[in-house]
C-alpha atoms as a PDB file:
ATOM      1  CA  MET A   1       0.000   0.000   0.000  1.00  0.00           C
ATOM      2  CA  ILE A   2       1.375   3.416  -0.994  1.00  0.00           C
ATOM      3  CA  ILE A   3      -0.063   6.772   0.084  1.00  0.00           C
ATOM      4  CA  GLY A   4       0.850   9.971  -1.734  1.00  0.00           C
ATOM      5  CA  VAL A   5       1.032  13.340  -0.031  1.00  0.00           C
ATOM      6  CA  ALA A   6       1.111  16.476  -2.174  1.00  0.00           C
ATOM      7  CA  ASP A   7       1.424  19.804  -0.374  1.00  0.00           C
ATOM      8  CA  THR A   8       2.286  23.408  -1.222  1.00  0.00           C
ATOM      9  CA  THR A   9       4.762  26.093  -0.290  1.00  0.00           C
ATOM     10  CA  PHE A  10       1.921  28.654  -0.256  1.00  0.00           C
ATOM     11  CA  ALA A  11       0.309  27.092   2.829  1.00  0.00           C
ATOM     12  CA  ARG A  12       1.174  28.842   6.069  1.00  0.00           C
ATOM     13  CA  ALA A  13       1.875  25.565   7.906  1.00  0.00           C
ATOM     14  CA  ASN A  14       3.628  22.341   6.968  1.00  0.00           C
ATOM     15  CA  MET A  15       0.505  20.377   6.110  1.00  0.00           C
ATOM     16  CA  GLY A  16       2.569  17.588   4.540  1.00  0.00           C
ATOM     17  CA  ALA A  17       4.415  16.966   7.802  1.00  0.00           C
ATOM     18  CA  PHE A  18       1.120  16.857   9.732  1.00  0.00           C
ATOM     19  CA  ALA A  19      -0.311  14.352   7.243  1.00  0.00           C
ATOM     20  CA  ILE A  20       2.737  12.104   7.321  1.00  0.00           C
ATOM     21  CA  ASP A  21       2.906  12.154  11.109  1.00  0.00           C
ATOM     22  CA  GLU A  22      -0.755  11.171  11.393  1.00  0.00           C
ATOM     23  CA  LEU A  23      -0.551   8.546   8.656  1.00  0.00           C
ATOM     24  CA  LYS A  24       2.401   6.909  10.426  1.00  0.00           C
ATOM     25  CA  ARG A  25       0.336   6.707  13.627  1.00  0.00           C
ATOM     26  CA  HIS A  26      -2.305   4.624  11.843  1.00  0.00           C
ATOM     27  CA  THR A  27      -0.562   2.627   9.114  1.00  0.00           C
ATOM     28  CA  SER A  28       2.730   1.159   8.023  1.00  0.00           C
ATOM     29  CA  ALA A  29       2.051   2.045   4.387  1.00  0.00           C
ATOM     30  CA  ARG A  30       4.851   3.569   2.348  1.00  0.00           C
ATOM     31  CA  ILE A  31       4.370   7.328   2.008  1.00  0.00           C
ATOM     32  CA  VAL A  32       5.605   9.369  -0.938  1.00  0.00           C
ATOM     33  CA  ARG A  33       5.618  13.169  -0.654  1.00  0.00           C
ATOM     34  CA  VAL A  34       5.921  15.919  -3.220  1.00  0.00           C
ATOM     35  CA  THR A  35       5.716  19.677  -2.608  1.00  0.00           C
ATOM     36  CA  VAL A  36       4.573  22.173  -5.239  1.00  0.00           C
ATOM     37  CA  PRO A  37       4.135  25.967  -5.197  1.00  0.00           C
ATOM     38  CA  GLY A  38       0.350  26.310  -4.944  1.00  0.00           C
ATOM     39  CA  VAL A  39      -3.068  24.647  -5.152  1.00  0.00           C
ATOM     40  CA  LYS A  40      -3.285  24.846  -8.940  1.00  0.00           C
ATOM     41  CA  ASP A  41      -0.176  22.630  -9.093  1.00  0.00           C
ATOM     42  CA  LEU A  42      -1.760  19.896  -6.969  1.00  0.00           C
ATOM     43  CA  PRO A  43      -3.760  18.087  -9.690  1.00  0.00           C
ATOM     44  CA  VAL A  44      -0.727  17.149 -11.773  1.00  0.00           C
ATOM     45  CA  ALA A  45       1.326  16.395  -8.650  1.00  0.00           C
ATOM     46  CA  ALA A  46      -1.372  14.002  -7.451  1.00  0.00           C
ATOM     47  CA  LYS A  47      -1.737  12.403 -10.884  1.00  0.00           C
ATOM     48  CA  LYS A  48       2.026  11.873 -11.090  1.00  0.00           C
ATOM     49  CA  LEU A  49       2.053  10.307  -7.618  1.00  0.00           C
ATOM     50  CA  ILE A  50      -0.576   7.830  -8.783  1.00  0.00           C
ATOM     51  CA  GLU A  51       0.889   7.063 -12.196  1.00  0.00           C
ATOM     52  CA  GLU A  52       4.630   7.295 -11.549  1.00  0.00           C
ATOM     53  CA  GLU A  53       4.885   6.346  -7.869  1.00  0.00           C
ATOM     54  CA  LYS A  54       1.971   3.851  -7.968  1.00  0.00           C
ATOM     55  CA  CYS A  55       0.141   5.466  -5.037  1.00  0.00           C
ATOM     56  CA  ASP A  56      -3.150   3.843  -4.067  1.00  0.00           C
ATOM     57  CA  ILE A  57      -4.549   7.136  -2.775  1.00  0.00           C
ATOM     58  CA  VAL A  58      -3.282  10.723  -2.524  1.00  0.00           C
ATOM     59  CA  MET A  59      -3.848  13.578  -0.121  1.00  0.00           C
ATOM     60  CA  ALA A  60      -3.802  16.977  -1.893  1.00  0.00           C
ATOM     61  CA  LEU A  61      -3.075  19.586   0.783  1.00  0.00           C
ATOM     62  CA  GLY A  62      -3.387  23.305   0.218  1.00  0.00           C
ATOM     63  CA  MET A  63      -4.299  26.648   1.697  1.00  0.00           C
ATOM     64  CA  PRO A  64      -6.011  29.033  -0.711  1.00  0.00           C
ATOM     65  CA  GLY A  65      -5.897  32.682   0.296  1.00  0.00           C
ATOM     66  CA  GLY A  66      -8.951  34.652   1.343  1.00  0.00           C
ATOM     67  CA  LYS A  67      -9.365  36.948  -1.667  1.00  0.00           C
ATOM     68  CA  ASP A  68     -11.930  36.416  -4.426  1.00  0.00           C
ATOM     69  CA  GLN A  69      -9.208  35.518  -6.924  1.00  0.00           C
ATOM     70  CA  ASP A  70      -7.920  32.884  -4.482  1.00  0.00           C
ATOM     71  CA  LYS A  71     -11.374  31.318  -4.296  1.00  0.00           C
ATOM     72  CA  VAL A  72     -11.433  31.103  -8.098  1.00  0.00           C
ATOM     73  CA  CYS A  73      -7.993  29.462  -8.065  1.00  0.00           C
ATOM     74  CA  ALA A  74      -9.183  26.990  -5.419  1.00  0.00           C
ATOM     75  CA  HIS A  75     -12.219  26.139  -7.537  1.00  0.00           C
ATOM     76  CA  GLU A  76     -10.025  25.554 -10.576  1.00  0.00           C
ATOM     77  CA  ALA A  77      -7.668  23.380  -8.511  1.00  0.00           C
ATOM     78  CA  SER A  78     -10.642  21.369  -7.248  1.00  0.00           C
ATOM     79  CA  GLN A  79     -11.824  20.838 -10.808  1.00  0.00           C
ATOM     80  CA  GLY A  80      -8.355  19.608 -11.744  1.00  0.00           C
ATOM     81  CA  ILE A  81      -8.250  17.264  -8.776  1.00  0.00           C
ATOM     82  CA  MET A  82     -11.613  15.800  -9.775  1.00  0.00           C
ATOM     83  CA  MET A  83     -10.378  15.320 -13.342  1.00  0.00           C
ATOM     84  CA  ALA A  84      -7.230  13.591 -12.079  1.00  0.00           C
ATOM     85  CA  GLN A  85      -9.370  11.228  -9.992  1.00  0.00           C
ATOM     86  CA  LEU A  86     -11.463  10.309 -12.993  1.00  0.00           C
ATOM     87  CA  MET A  87      -8.394   9.897 -15.216  1.00  0.00           C
ATOM     88  CA  THR A  88      -6.623   7.597 -12.745  1.00  0.00           C
ATOM     89  CA  ASN A  89      -9.583   5.877 -11.079  1.00  0.00           C
ATOM     90  CA  ARG A  90      -8.000   6.667  -7.695  1.00  0.00           C
ATOM     91  CA  HIS A  91      -9.145   8.817  -4.817  1.00  0.00           C
ATOM     92  CA  ILE A  92      -7.395  12.133  -4.282  1.00  0.00           C
ATOM     93  CA  ILE A  93      -8.538  13.537  -0.963  1.00  0.00           C
ATOM     94  CA  GLU A  94      -8.586  17.305  -1.249  1.00  0.00           C
ATOM     95  CA  VAL A  95      -7.685  18.991   2.018  1.00  0.00           C
ATOM     96  CA  PHE A  96      -8.021  22.735   1.587  1.00  0.00           C
ATOM     97  CA  VAL A  97      -8.101  25.279   4.386  1.00  0.00           C
ATOM     98  CA  HIS A  98      -9.117  28.705   3.146  1.00  0.00           C
ATOM     99  CA  GLU A  99      -7.250  31.502   4.868  1.00  0.00           C
ATOM    100  CA  ASP A 100     -10.501  33.313   5.684  1.00  0.00           C
ATOM    101  CA  GLU A 101     -11.971  30.316   7.544  1.00  0.00           C
ATOM    102  CA  ALA A 102     -10.106  31.404  10.668  1.00  0.00           C
ATOM    103  CA  LYS A 103     -10.474  34.515  12.808  1.00  0.00           C
ATOM    104  CA  ASN A 104      -6.725  34.853  13.495  1.00  0.00           C
ATOM    105  CA  ASP A 105      -3.348  33.200  12.928  1.00  0.00           C
ATOM    106  CA  ALA A 106      -3.640  30.946  15.967  1.00  0.00           C
ATOM    107  CA  GLU A 107      -6.969  29.559  14.807  1.00  0.00           C
ATOM    108  CA  LEU A 108      -5.631  29.195  11.262  1.00  0.00           C
ATOM    109  CA  ALA A 109      -2.607  27.228  12.494  1.00  0.00           C
ATOM    110  CA  TRP A 110      -4.875  24.978  14.548  1.00  0.00           C
ATOM    111  CA  LEU A 111      -7.269  24.419  11.644  1.00  0.00           C
ATOM    112  CA  LEU A 112      -4.486  23.640   9.156  1.00  0.00           C
ATOM    113  CA  GLU A 113      -3.197  20.915  11.444  1.00  0.00           C
ATOM    114  CA  GLN A 114      -6.527  19.555  12.665  1.00  0.00           C
ATOM    115  CA  ARG A 115      -8.179  19.246   9.250  1.00  0.00           C
ATOM    116  CA  THR A 116      -5.073  17.631   7.787  1.00  0.00           C
ATOM    117  CA  ARG A 117      -4.824  15.086  10.590  1.00  0.00           C
ATOM    118  CA  GLU A 118      -8.532  14.195  10.462  1.00  0.00           C
ATOM    119  CA  HIS A 119      -8.373  13.656   6.709  1.00  0.00           C
ATOM    120  CA  ALA A 120      -5.251  11.506   7.121  1.00  0.00           C
ATOM    121  CA  VAL A 121      -7.328   9.204   9.313  1.00  0.00           C
ATOM    122  CA  ASN A 122     -10.024   9.171   6.603  1.00  0.00           C
ATOM    123  CA  VAL A 123      -7.409   8.112   4.062  1.00  0.00           C
ATOM    124  CA  VAL A 124      -6.329   5.184   6.224  1.00  0.00           C
ATOM    125  CA  LEU A 125      -9.946   4.137   6.780  1.00  0.00           C
ATOM    126  CA  MET A 126     -10.717   4.325   3.068  1.00  0.00           C
ATOM    127  CA  LEU A 127      -7.780   2.070   2.255  1.00  0.00           C
ATOM    128  CA  THR A 128      -7.860  -0.400   5.118  1.00  0.00           C
ATOM    129  CA  ARG A 129     -11.293  -0.371   6.722  1.00  0.00           C
ATOM    130  CA  PRO A 130     -13.888   1.080   4.338  1.00  0.00           C
ATOM    131  CA  GLN A 131     -16.692  -0.408   6.456  1.00  0.00           C
ATOM    132  CA  GLU A 132     -15.691   2.097   9.172  1.00  0.00           C
ATOM    133  CA  MET A 133     -16.394   4.932   6.738  1.00  0.00           C
ATOM    134  CA  THR A 134     -19.813   3.427   6.009  1.00  0.00           C
ATOM    135  CA  LYS A 135     -20.627   3.466   9.734  1.00  0.00           C
ATOM    136  CA  LEU A 136     -20.006   7.242   9.697  1.00  0.00           C
ATOM    137  CA  SER A 137     -22.417   7.851   6.821  1.00  0.00           C
ATOM    138  CA  GLY A 138     -24.959  10.567   7.617  1.00  0.00           C
ATOM    139  CA  THR A 139     -23.356  11.552  10.908  1.00  0.00           C
ATOM    140  CA  GLY A 140     -22.397  15.103   9.887  1.00  0.00           C
ATOM    141  CA  GLN A 141     -18.653  14.650  10.190  1.00  0.00           C
ATOM    142  CA  ARG A 142     -16.543  17.794   9.709  1.00  0.00           C
ATOM    143  CA  GLN A 143     -12.789  17.876   9.460  1.00  0.00           C
ATOM    144  CA  GLY A 144     -11.297  20.668  11.508  1.00  0.00           C
ATOM    145  CA  PHE A 145     -14.159  22.313  13.304  1.00  0.00           C
ATOM    146  CA  ALA A 146     -16.774  20.466  15.400  1.00  0.00           C
ATOM    147  CA  ASP A 147     -18.906  17.843  13.696  1.00  0.00           C
ATOM    148  CA  ALA A 148     -22.361  19.045  12.676  1.00  0.00           C
ATOM    149  CA  GLY A 149     -24.063  15.790  13.681  1.00  0.00           C
ATOM    150  CA  PRO A 150     -27.027  14.262  11.907  1.00  0.00           C
ATOM    151  CA  ALA A 151     -30.095  16.338  11.086  1.00  0.00           C
ATOM    152  CA  ARG A 152     -32.973  15.810  13.515  1.00  0.00           C
ATOM    153  CA  LYS A 153     -36.709  15.890  12.897  1.00  0.00           C
END
């Protein structure tokens, strides 16, 4: 089993290191990491990890800025990630933390780490225990901030 981790230099925390640390806590899978400048570079990085490094799944980690143009770039990156998934028939778990999701730097730092770590656990579950993911269906899980919980009548 091989897990790819693609992260960016634009992010304001070392999301790749958080992911690798968490992955190592939950699996002995080989981990291959690549770092690119920004979120729009993640689709090809993830595709290359799958095709050239034979990764079974990839985490695409990035932190789009808070300006309108950054949101457009994040959307375009997401589209590319979806295309790469369809082209390779492999999951690429997009882990984006938008800079304007946090009220201050401390909260941003916390969110960058927390969301990355929670998605790393999702990656391990998807690869090794998919039935565990099924048990979480409809439970309002959120990565980073508190879970929303299921809707109630």
